[in-house]
Amino acid sequence: MKLLDIYAKLKSDLDAIEAKLASSVTSDHALLSDASTHLLKAGGKRIRPVVVLLAGKFGDYRLDVLEKVAVPLELIHMASLVHDDVIDNAETRRGQLTVKSKWDNRIAMYTGDYIYGKALALATELPNPQIHQILSHAMVQMCIGEMEQIRDFFNTDQSVRNYLLRIRRKTALLIAISCQLGAIAGGADRKASNALYRFGYNMGMAFQIRDDLLDLLGTEKQIGKPPGSDIKQGNITLPVLLALKEPGHSEELLAEIIKIRESNGAGETKRALNIIRKSAGIHTADAMATRYINKSIAALSSLPSIPAKKHLTDIAHFVGKRNY
């Protein structure tokens, strides 16, 4: 089943979540409202709300409860993107101007803070302290992941293990708890919520590796930003790390990365991209993403064979092969 077919089956509930997202960030302050809804209007895959809803199917499915998990999780994701774009000095996202580009860094930082605050305010409407604890822990870990990424900008000596730990915190954890909290909010048992956490964690790891590959292989139309943006900003991703370890590519690629670093973001990335694309690092990273997808699907094996299980499997396959 295609991703759009899964979304179609959940359309009325996703429409309700979309409306709740918009109302949650609406403010009497016109500028704050405009900046907060700017990224929301650009769209997105809404992977986190979708998996919250599907995970809720393994318990007592109630939209009025699940939306109090799905909306905060998507708002946290959105806020992190607004902040990311300031750190990365990114001009576009999803084919649209970023908040920092349309306004400025100060507006973007306070907009991100505001969205975080709205997410937490909505989550407190659920009287389950376990949900609050899991959510707050994930937010702390996300911040640590972001700090580690800044620390490792242009660090070509970092290990693959460092990269994997960083993306676990930055990306995989939020997808993992989206699955876990959907199950908990739906009243599913611990065995199911733990299995769904493992599913989301492994899918999230694959999601970020595929994202990093797309930044190197995709077109601006596909990814909504210029290819090579990561390396231009100093973010050394898995395929680059692997290419740096290849005897036939390491010296030339290292020289190009040094040029990019010394240009303060104004350097050309074309030569570096060509070197990386010819390296075995691309294929090795892709194979690693596939292994994570296989592990995510295997994590679902103990769950009952309801349609939601098949839909989650289909989403994992989409993540493993996505080209946008």
Protein backbone atom coordinates (compact mmCIF):
# COMPACT_ATOMS: atom_id res chain seq x y z
CA MET A 1 0.00 0.00 0.00
CA LYS A 2 1.28 3.47 -0.89
CA LEU A 3 1.82 6.11 1.76
CA LEU A 4 -0.96 8.29 0.33
CA ASP A 5 -3.40 5.38 0.67
CA ILE A 6 -2.57 5.09 4.37
CA TYR A 7 -3.06 8.83 4.81
CA ALA A 8 -6.38 8.60 2.96
CA LYS A 9 -7.65 5.99 5.44
CA LEU A 10 -6.79 8.36 8.30
CA LYS A 11 -7.88 11.52 6.48
CA SER A 12 -10.62 12.73 8.82
CA ASP A 13 -8.46 12.26 11.91
CA LEU A 14 -5.40 13.82 10.24
CA ASP A 15 -7.55 16.77 9.16
CA ALA A 16 -8.58 17.22 12.79
CA ILE A 17 -4.93 17.13 13.88
CA GLU A 18 -3.99 19.63 11.17
CA ALA A 19 -6.70 21.99 12.41
CA LYS A 20 -5.49 21.53 15.99
CA LEU A 21 -1.90 22.29 14.93
CA ALA A 22 -3.04 25.56 13.36
CA SER A 23 -5.19 26.62 16.31
CA SER A 24 -2.46 25.69 18.79
CA VAL A 25 0.05 28.17 17.39
CA THR A 26 -2.41 30.96 16.64
CA SER A 27 -1.78 33.99 18.82
CA ASP A 28 -3.26 37.44 19.35
CA HIS A 29 0.21 38.69 18.41
CA ALA A 30 0.06 38.96 14.61
CA LEU A 31 3.79 38.55 13.95
CA LEU A 32 4.07 35.54 16.25
CA SER A 33 1.07 33.91 14.56
CA ASP A 34 2.43 34.55 11.06
CA ALA A 35 5.89 33.21 11.89
CA SER A 36 4.51 30.18 13.76
CA THR A 37 2.15 29.13 10.98
CA HIS A 38 4.71 29.78 8.21
CA LEU A 39 6.34 26.34 8.39
CA LEU A 40 3.00 24.67 9.08
CA LYS A 41 1.62 26.02 5.79
CA ALA A 42 4.64 24.59 3.92
CA GLY A 43 3.31 21.11 4.70
CA GLY A 44 5.33 18.04 5.61
CA LYS A 45 4.95 14.28 5.79
CA ARG A 46 3.38 14.35 9.27
CA ILE A 47 5.06 11.00 9.98
CA ARG A 48 4.90 11.55 13.74
CA PRO A 49 1.13 12.18 13.99
CA VAL A 50 0.46 9.28 11.61
CA VAL A 51 2.42 6.78 13.70
CA VAL A 52 0.79 8.12 16.89
CA LEU A 53 -2.62 7.33 15.40
CA LEU A 54 -1.57 3.90 14.12
CA ALA A 55 0.04 3.00 17.45
CA GLY A 56 -3.19 4.02 19.17
CA LYS A 57 -4.98 1.31 17.19
CA PHE A 58 -3.28 -1.31 19.42
CA GLY A 59 -5.26 0.00 22.38
CA ASP A 60 -8.49 1.92 22.87
CA TYR A 61 -8.48 4.31 19.93
CA ARG A 62 -9.79 7.75 20.92
CA LEU A 63 -8.89 10.73 18.75
CA ASP A 64 -9.60 13.25 21.52
CA VAL A 65 -6.84 11.61 23.58
CA LEU A 66 -4.40 10.74 20.79
CA GLU A 67 -4.40 14.25 19.36
CA LYS A 68 -3.02 15.51 22.69
CA VAL A 69 0.03 13.36 21.92
CA ALA A 70 0.20 13.76 18.14
CA VAL A 71 -0.04 17.57 18.08
CA PRO A 72 2.65 18.26 20.73
CA LEU A 73 5.04 15.83 19.03
CA GLU A 74 4.62 17.53 15.66
CA LEU A 75 4.96 20.96 17.28
CA ILE A 76 8.22 19.88 18.95
CA HIS A 77 9.47 18.69 15.57
CA MET A 78 8.46 21.99 13.94
CA ALA A 79 10.12 24.07 16.67
CA SER A 80 13.35 22.12 16.28
CA LEU A 81 13.32 22.83 12.53
CA VAL A 82 12.88 26.57 13.11
CA HIS A 83 15.90 26.53 15.45
CA ASP A 84 17.89 24.27 13.10
CA ASP A 85 17.49 26.73 10.27
CA VAL A 86 19.04 29.48 12.39
CA ILE A 87 22.00 27.29 13.35
CA ASP A 88 22.47 26.11 9.75
CA ASN A 89 21.81 29.55 8.24
CA ALA A 90 19.35 27.82 5.89
CA GLU A 91 17.44 29.95 3.41
CA THR A 92 14.82 27.40 2.32
CA ARG A 93 12.99 24.39 3.73
CA ARG A 94 10.32 22.36 1.94
CA GLY A 95 10.78 24.69 -1.00
CA GLN A 96 9.77 27.75 1.06
CA LEU A 97 11.71 30.50 2.80
CA THR A 98 12.65 29.58 6.35
CA VAL A 99 11.35 31.64 9.26
CA LYS A 100 14.82 33.10 9.82
CA SER A 101 15.07 33.99 6.14
CA LYS A 102 11.62 35.59 5.87
CA TRP A 103 12.02 37.49 9.14
CA ASP A 104 15.34 37.22 11.01
CA ASN A 105 17.23 35.08 13.52
CA ARG A 106 15.72 36.75 16.56
CA ILE A 107 12.14 36.22 15.37
CA ALA A 108 12.98 32.61 14.45
CA MET A 109 14.46 31.78 17.86
CA TYR A 110 11.51 33.19 19.77
CA THR A 111 9.08 31.53 17.35
CA GLY A 112 10.70 28.17 18.02
CA ASP A 113 10.55 28.80 21.78
CA TYR A 114 6.88 29.76 21.50
CA ILE A 115 6.03 26.57 19.58
CA TYR A 116 7.87 24.47 22.19
CA GLY A 117 5.84 26.17 24.91
CA LYS A 118 2.55 25.52 23.12
CA ALA A 119 3.51 21.86 22.68
CA LEU A 120 4.13 21.42 26.40
CA ALA A 121 0.95 23.27 27.34
CA LEU A 122 -1.13 20.91 25.20
CA ALA A 123 0.62 17.78 26.49
CA THR A 124 -0.23 18.72 30.10
CA GLU A 125 -3.91 18.19 29.26
CA LEU A 126 -3.21 14.45 29.53
CA PRO A 127 -3.11 13.46 33.23
CA ASN A 128 -0.51 10.71 32.71
CA PRO A 129 2.87 11.67 34.26
CA GLN A 130 4.63 8.89 32.30
CA ILE A 131 3.80 10.70 29.06
CA HIS A 132 5.18 13.98 30.43
CA GLN A 133 8.38 12.26 31.62
CA ILE A 134 9.01 10.53 28.27
CA LEU A 135 8.32 13.75 26.37
CA SER A 136 10.59 15.93 28.53
CA HIS A 137 13.42 13.36 28.42
CA ALA A 138 13.24 13.28 24.63
CA MET A 139 13.39 17.09 24.41
CA VAL A 140 16.52 17.13 26.58
CA GLN A 141 18.14 14.47 24.40
CA MET A 142 17.25 16.39 21.24
CA CYS A 143 19.01 19.47 22.60
CA ILE A 144 22.09 17.40 23.44
CA GLY A 145 22.05 15.99 19.90
CA GLU A 146 21.90 19.47 18.43
CA MET A 147 24.79 20.64 20.61
CA GLU A 148 26.84 17.61 19.57
CA GLN A 149 26.19 18.42 15.91
CA ILE A 150 27.41 22.00 16.42
CA ARG A 151 30.46 20.71 18.29
CA ASP A 152 31.29 18.36 15.41
CA PHE A 153 30.85 20.84 12.54
CA PHE A 154 33.66 20.16 10.05
CA ASN A 155 35.10 17.47 12.36
CA THR A 156 36.34 14.92 9.82
CA ASP A 157 37.90 12.76 12.57
CA GLN A 158 34.61 11.87 14.27
CA SER A 159 33.60 8.20 14.40
CA VAL A 160 30.58 6.53 12.85
CA ARG A 161 29.50 5.71 16.41
CA ASN A 162 29.39 9.44 17.23
CA TYR A 163 27.25 10.05 14.15
CA LEU A 164 24.80 7.26 15.09
CA LEU A 165 24.47 8.51 18.66
CA ARG A 166 23.85 12.03 17.37
CA ILE A 167 21.06 11.03 14.97
CA ARG A 168 19.55 8.82 17.67
CA ARG A 169 19.10 11.95 19.77
CA LYS A 170 18.29 14.39 16.98
CA THR A 171 15.81 12.32 14.96
CA ALA A 172 15.19 8.71 15.94
CA LEU A 173 14.11 9.34 19.52
CA LEU A 174 11.19 11.62 18.62
CA ILE A 175 9.86 9.10 16.09
CA ALA A 176 10.36 6.29 18.63
CA ILE A 177 8.35 8.04 21.35
CA SER A 178 5.67 9.00 18.81
CA CYS A 179 4.99 5.28 18.44
CA GLN A 180 5.43 4.57 22.14
CA LEU A 181 3.23 7.42 23.39
CA GLY A 182 0.49 6.64 20.87
CA ALA A 183 0.32 3.16 22.38
CA ILE A 184 0.47 4.42 25.98
CA ALA A 185 -2.22 7.07 25.38
CA GLY A 186 -4.39 4.37 23.80
CA GLY A 187 -3.99 2.13 26.85
CA ALA A 188 -2.02 -0.60 25.06
CA ASP A 189 0.03 -2.95 27.25
CA ARG A 190 3.73 -2.41 27.95
CA LYS A 191 4.81 -5.20 25.60
CA ALA A 192 3.07 -3.44 22.70
CA SER A 193 4.36 0.04 23.60
CA ASN A 194 7.93 -1.27 23.91
CA ALA A 195 7.70 -3.06 20.55
CA LEU A 196 6.36 0.10 18.94
CA TYR A 197 9.19 2.13 20.49
CA ARG A 198 11.74 -0.25 18.91
CA PHE A 199 9.92 0.01 15.59
CA GLY A 200 9.99 3.82 15.70
CA TYR A 201 13.60 4.00 16.86
CA ASN A 202 14.94 1.83 14.02
CA MET A 203 12.73 3.53 11.44
CA GLY A 204 13.92 6.92 12.75
CA MET A 205 17.56 5.94 12.35
CA ALA A 206 16.86 4.89 8.75
CA PHE A 207 14.89 8.08 8.17
CA GLN A 208 17.87 10.28 9.08
CA ILE A 209 20.38 8.23 7.09
CA ARG A 210 18.10 8.44 4.05
CA ASP A 211 17.74 12.19 4.67
CA ASP A 212 21.51 12.55 4.69
CA LEU A 213 21.79 10.53 1.47
CA LEU A 214 19.12 12.68 -0.20
CA ASP A 215 21.07 15.81 0.70
CA LEU A 216 23.95 14.40 -1.36
CA LEU A 217 22.01 12.71 -4.18
CA GLY A 218 18.73 14.60 -4.52
CA THR A 219 17.77 17.64 -6.56
CA GLU A 220 16.61 20.94 -5.10
CA LYS A 221 13.09 20.16 -6.33
CA GLN A 222 13.09 16.82 -4.54
CA ILE A 223 14.45 17.95 -1.19
CA GLY A 224 13.27 21.57 -1.05
CA LYS A 225 16.77 22.98 -0.52
CA PRO A 226 20.06 23.03 -2.46
CA PRO A 227 21.84 19.64 -2.49
CA GLY A 228 25.02 19.57 -0.45
CA SER A 229 23.57 21.88 2.21
CA ASP A 230 24.79 19.64 5.04
CA ILE A 231 28.42 19.61 4.01
CA LYS A 232 28.33 23.35 3.26
CA GLN A 233 27.17 23.97 6.83
CA GLY A 234 29.82 21.64 8.23
CA ASN A 235 27.51 18.74 9.08
CA ILE A 236 29.61 15.66 8.32
CA THR A 237 27.08 12.88 7.71
CA LEU A 238 27.46 9.10 7.42
CA PRO A 239 28.16 8.84 3.66
CA VAL A 240 30.80 11.57 3.99
CA LEU A 241 32.46 9.88 6.97
CA LEU A 242 32.58 6.61 5.07
CA ALA A 243 33.99 8.28 1.94
CA LEU A 244 36.68 9.91 4.11
CA LYS A 245 37.86 6.42 5.11
CA GLU A 246 38.35 5.26 1.49
CA PRO A 247 41.97 5.40 0.32
CA GLY A 248 40.95 6.43 -3.21
CA HIS A 249 38.83 9.38 -2.09
CA SER A 250 39.94 10.47 1.40
CA GLU A 251 42.69 12.98 0.58
CA GLU A 252 40.84 14.71 -2.24
CA LEU A 253 37.59 14.89 -0.26
CA LEU A 254 39.35 16.18 2.85
CA ALA A 255 40.95 18.96 0.81
CA GLU A 256 37.52 19.99 -0.55
CA ILE A 257 35.98 20.02 2.93
CA ILE A 258 38.80 22.25 4.18
CA LYS A 259 38.11 24.66 1.29
CA ILE A 260 34.41 24.75 2.17
CA ARG A 261 35.19 25.39 5.84
CA GLU A 262 37.62 28.19 5.05
CA SER A 263 35.08 29.88 2.75
CA ASN A 264 32.70 30.48 5.71
CA GLY A 265 29.74 29.00 3.87
CA ALA A 266 30.42 30.66 0.52
CA GLY A 267 32.37 27.74 -0.98
CA GLU A 268 31.35 25.54 -3.88
CA THR A 269 30.30 21.98 -2.97
CA LYS A 270 30.12 20.50 -6.48
CA ARG A 271 33.55 18.82 -6.41
CA ALA A 272 32.98 17.38 -2.93
CA LEU A 273 29.59 16.03 -4.00
CA ASN A 274 31.08 14.38 -7.07
CA ILE A 275 33.74 12.65 -4.95
CA ILE A 276 31.18 11.41 -2.41
CA ARG A 277 28.79 10.19 -5.10
CA LYS A 278 31.57 8.07 -6.65
CA SER A 279 32.54 6.54 -3.31
CA ALA A 280 31.37 3.29 -1.76
CA GLY A 281 30.15 5.35 1.20
CA ILE A 282 26.84 5.98 -0.57
CA HIS A 283 26.11 2.26 -0.97
CA THR A 284 27.34 1.39 2.54
CA ALA A 285 25.13 4.06 4.12
CA ASP A 286 22.14 2.93 2.06
CA ALA A 287 22.72 -0.68 3.17
CA MET A 288 22.85 0.48 6.80
CA ALA A 289 19.52 2.30 6.39
CA THR A 290 18.03 -0.91 4.95
CA ARG A 291 19.23 -2.91 7.97
CA TYR A 292 17.53 -0.44 10.29
CA ILE A 293 14.30 -0.74 8.29
CA ASN A 294 14.44 -4.54 8.53
CA LYS A 295 14.95 -4.27 12.29
CA SER A 296 12.00 -1.88 12.57
CA ILE A 297 9.69 -4.30 10.76
CA ALA A 298 10.97 -7.22 12.84
CA ALA A 299 10.04 -5.28 16.01
CA LEU A 300 6.38 -5.50 14.97
CA SER A 301 6.36 -9.31 14.81
CA SER A 302 4.93 -9.79 18.30
CA LEU A 303 2.01 -7.41 17.72
CA PRO A 304 -1.47 -8.59 16.70
CA SER A 305 -2.12 -8.73 12.96
CA ILE A 306 -4.46 -5.76 12.65
CA PRO A 307 -4.49 -3.32 9.68
CA ALA A 308 -2.37 -0.80 11.66
CA LYS A 309 0.50 -3.32 11.75
CA LYS A 310 0.45 -3.57 7.95
CA HIS A 311 0.26 0.22 7.64
CA LEU A 312 3.30 0.68 9.89
CA THR A 313 5.20 -1.87 7.82
CA ASP A 314 4.31 0.02 4.66
CA ILE A 315 5.47 3.31 6.20
CA ALA A 316 8.80 1.69 7.11
CA HIS A 317 9.24 0.53 3.51
CA PHE A 318 8.48 4.07 2.30
CA VAL A 319 11.07 5.55 4.67
CA GLY A 320 13.67 3.05 3.46
CA LYS A 321 13.14 3.97 -0.18
CA ARG A 322 11.99 7.59 -0.05
CA ASN A 323 13.40 10.12 -2.50
CA TYR A 324 11.84 13.29 -1.04
